[in-house]
Amino acid sequence: MLYFLLNHIYKAMEPESDIAREAIFEAIENQMRDNNPPITKETFNRLIADGYTKNEAMKLIGFSLANEISEIMNSNQPFNEERYSQNLRNLPDLPWEE
């Protein structure tokens, strides 16, 4: 079910969103490489251990990062690592499913 939902959302995105998706994936890769915040790599490893593919894990983490970016833009507040970390801990449940 979750896999279907993720694919449906990604397929529904406009072609211009490829640039945004690539930027988000790059940000996630940088977070994991720099271990900053450590929860990103921990979450990736947990999702892989739970049977998700690398691409599925990246998409799930990407949804959490995109949600945090949206929160930043909507509230005009700085990055909230506590909120982002909590969203990562909750994966595979997505932030808007609460």
C-alpha atoms as a PDB file:
ATOM      1  CA  MET A   1       0.000   0.000   0.000  1.00  0.00           C
ATOM      2  CA  LEU A   2       2.685   2.492   1.002  1.00  0.00           C
ATOM      3  CA  TYR A   3       4.783   1.619  -2.037  1.00  0.00           C
ATOM      4  CA  PHE A   4       1.767   2.220  -4.283  1.00  0.00           C
ATOM      5  CA  LEU A   5       1.059   5.551  -2.587  1.00  0.00           C
ATOM      6  CA  LEU A   6       4.652   6.743  -2.942  1.00  0.00           C
ATOM      7  CA  ASN A   7       4.818   5.786  -6.602  1.00  0.00           C
ATOM      8  CA  HIS A   8       1.454   7.400  -7.304  1.00  0.00           C
ATOM      9  CA  ILE A   9       2.560  10.672  -5.708  1.00  0.00           C
ATOM     10  CA  TYR A  10       5.892  10.694  -7.544  1.00  0.00           C
ATOM     11  CA  LYS A  11       4.308   9.845 -10.910  1.00  0.00           C
ATOM     12  CA  ALA A  12       1.755  12.617 -10.427  1.00  0.00           C
ATOM     13  CA  MET A  13       4.461  15.245 -10.013  1.00  0.00           C
ATOM     14  CA  GLU A  14       5.131  17.663 -12.842  1.00  0.00           C
ATOM     15  CA  PRO A  15       8.337  17.128 -14.867  1.00  0.00           C
ATOM     16  CA  GLU A  16       9.790  20.290 -13.305  1.00  0.00           C
ATOM     17  CA  SER A  17       9.624  18.500  -9.976  1.00  0.00           C
ATOM     18  CA  ASP A  18      12.487  16.266 -11.092  1.00  0.00           C
ATOM     19  CA  ILE A  19      14.827  19.132 -10.245  1.00  0.00           C
ATOM     20  CA  ALA A  20      13.301  19.505  -6.781  1.00  0.00           C
ATOM     21  CA  ARG A  21      13.413  15.743  -6.190  1.00  0.00           C
ATOM     22  CA  GLU A  22      17.078  15.610  -7.229  1.00  0.00           C
ATOM     23  CA  ALA A  23      17.873  18.525  -4.908  1.00  0.00           C
ATOM     24  CA  ILE A  24      16.106  16.828  -2.003  1.00  0.00           C
ATOM     25  CA  PHE A  25      17.893  13.532  -2.676  1.00  0.00           C
ATOM     26  CA  GLU A  26      21.210  15.377  -2.836  1.00  0.00           C
ATOM     27  CA  ALA A  27      20.456  17.070   0.497  1.00  0.00           C
ATOM     28  CA  ILE A  28      19.660  13.679   2.051  1.00  0.00           C
ATOM     29  CA  GLU A  29      22.867  12.175   0.677  1.00  0.00           C
ATOM     30  CA  ASN A  30      24.821  15.127   2.109  1.00  0.00           C
ATOM     31  CA  GLN A  31      23.145  14.671   5.493  1.00  0.00           C
ATOM     32  CA  MET A  32      24.068  10.990   5.514  1.00  0.00           C
ATOM     33  CA  ARG A  33      27.633  11.618   4.309  1.00  0.00           C
ATOM     34  CA  ASP A  34      28.201  14.337   6.926  1.00  0.00           C
ATOM     35  CA  ASN A  35      26.214  12.468   9.581  1.00  0.00           C
ATOM     36  CA  ASN A  36      24.371  15.728  10.229  1.00  0.00           C
ATOM     37  CA  PRO A  37      21.839  15.173  11.580  1.00  0.00           C
ATOM     38  CA  PRO A  38      22.710  11.589  12.536  1.00  0.00           C
ATOM     39  CA  ILE A  39      19.020  10.604  12.555  1.00  0.00           C
ATOM     40  CA  THR A  40      18.950  10.786   8.749  1.00  0.00           C
ATOM     41  CA  LYS A  41      21.441   7.952   8.281  1.00  0.00           C
ATOM     42  CA  GLU A  42      19.932   6.026  11.205  1.00  0.00           C
ATOM     43  CA  THR A  43      16.507   6.294   9.585  1.00  0.00           C
ATOM     44  CA  PHE A  44      17.841   5.227   6.187  1.00  0.00           C
ATOM     45  CA  ASN A  45      19.506   2.164   7.723  1.00  0.00           C
ATOM     46  CA  ARG A  46      16.352   1.309   9.705  1.00  0.00           C
ATOM     47  CA  LEU A  47      14.161   1.529   6.609  1.00  0.00           C
ATOM     48  CA  ILE A  48      16.566  -0.671   4.633  1.00  0.00           C
ATOM     49  CA  ALA A  49      16.594  -3.193   7.504  1.00  0.00           C
ATOM     50  CA  ASP A  50      12.787  -3.119   7.448  1.00  0.00           C
ATOM     51  CA  GLY A  51      12.832  -4.222   3.804  1.00  0.00           C
ATOM     52  CA  TYR A  52      12.508  -0.956   1.895  1.00  0.00           C
ATOM     53  CA  THR A  53      14.674  -0.467  -1.190  1.00  0.00           C
ATOM     54  CA  LYS A  54      17.213   2.340  -1.292  1.00  0.00           C
ATOM     55  CA  ASN A  55      14.917   4.343  -3.570  1.00  0.00           C
ATOM     56  CA  GLU A  56      11.886   3.800  -1.313  1.00  0.00           C
ATOM     57  CA  ALA A  57      13.891   4.823   1.770  1.00  0.00           C
ATOM     58  CA  MET A  58      15.151   7.946  -0.005  1.00  0.00           C
ATOM     59  CA  LYS A  59      11.592   8.845  -1.030  1.00  0.00           C
ATOM     60  CA  LEU A  60      10.294   8.423   2.512  1.00  0.00           C
ATOM     61  CA  ILE A  61      13.082  10.543   3.966  1.00  0.00           C
ATOM     62  CA  GLY A  62      12.526  12.994   1.113  1.00  0.00           C
ATOM     63  CA  PHE A  63       8.893  13.400   2.113  1.00  0.00           C
ATOM     64  CA  SER A  64      10.028  14.296   5.643  1.00  0.00           C
ATOM     65  CA  LEU A  65      12.568  16.777   4.325  1.00  0.00           C
ATOM     66  CA  ALA A  66      10.058  18.306   1.905  1.00  0.00           C
ATOM     67  CA  ASN A  67       7.584  18.605   4.785  1.00  0.00           C
ATOM     68  CA  GLU A  68      10.208  20.431   6.865  1.00  0.00           C
ATOM     69  CA  ILE A  69      10.984  22.767   3.951  1.00  0.00           C
ATOM     70  CA  SER A  70       7.262  23.477   3.639  1.00  0.00           C
ATOM     71  CA  GLU A  71       7.030  24.218   7.370  1.00  0.00           C
ATOM     72  CA  ILE A  72       9.993  26.610   7.094  1.00  0.00           C
ATOM     73  CA  MET A  73       8.416  28.441   4.171  1.00  0.00           C
ATOM     74  CA  ASN A  74       4.939  28.600   5.732  1.00  0.00           C
ATOM     75  CA  SER A  75       6.061  29.717   9.181  1.00  0.00           C
ATOM     76  CA  ASN A  76       9.046  31.844   8.141  1.00  0.00           C
ATOM     77  CA  GLN A  77      11.001  30.091  10.893  1.00  0.00           C
ATOM     78  CA  PRO A  78      14.416  28.411  10.735  1.00  0.00           C
ATOM     79  CA  PHE A  79      14.995  24.690  10.280  1.00  0.00           C
ATOM     80  CA  ASN A  80      13.529  22.792  13.237  1.00  0.00           C
ATOM     81  CA  GLU A  81      15.769  19.779  13.758  1.00  0.00           C
ATOM     82  CA  GLU A  82      13.547  18.417  16.532  1.00  0.00           C
ATOM     83  CA  ARG A  83      10.465  18.392  14.271  1.00  0.00           C
ATOM     84  CA  TYR A  84      12.438  16.948  11.350  1.00  0.00           C
ATOM     85  CA  SER A  85      13.930  14.251  13.574  1.00  0.00           C
ATOM     86  CA  GLN A  86      10.516  13.316  14.943  1.00  0.00           C
ATOM     87  CA  ASN A  87       9.146  13.000  11.410  1.00  0.00           C
ATOM     88  CA  LEU A  88      12.067  10.719  10.529  1.00  0.00           C
ATOM     89  CA  ARG A  89      11.465   8.596  13.643  1.00  0.00           C
ATOM     90  CA  ASN A  90       7.826   8.196  12.607  1.00  0.00           C
ATOM     91  CA  LEU A  91       8.654   6.829   9.149  1.00  0.00           C
ATOM     92  CA  PRO A  92       7.222   4.988   7.315  1.00  0.00           C
ATOM     93  CA  ASP A  93       4.246   6.964   8.652  1.00  0.00           C
ATOM     94  CA  LEU A  94       4.224  10.255   6.766  1.00  0.00           C
ATOM     95  CA  PRO A  95       3.960  13.635   8.542  1.00  0.00           C
ATOM     96  CA  TRP A  96       0.544  14.458   7.086  1.00  0.00           C
ATOM     97  CA  GLU A  97      -0.891  11.092   8.152  1.00  0.00           C
ATOM     98  CA  GLU A  98      -0.849  11.995  11.860  1.00  0.00           C
END
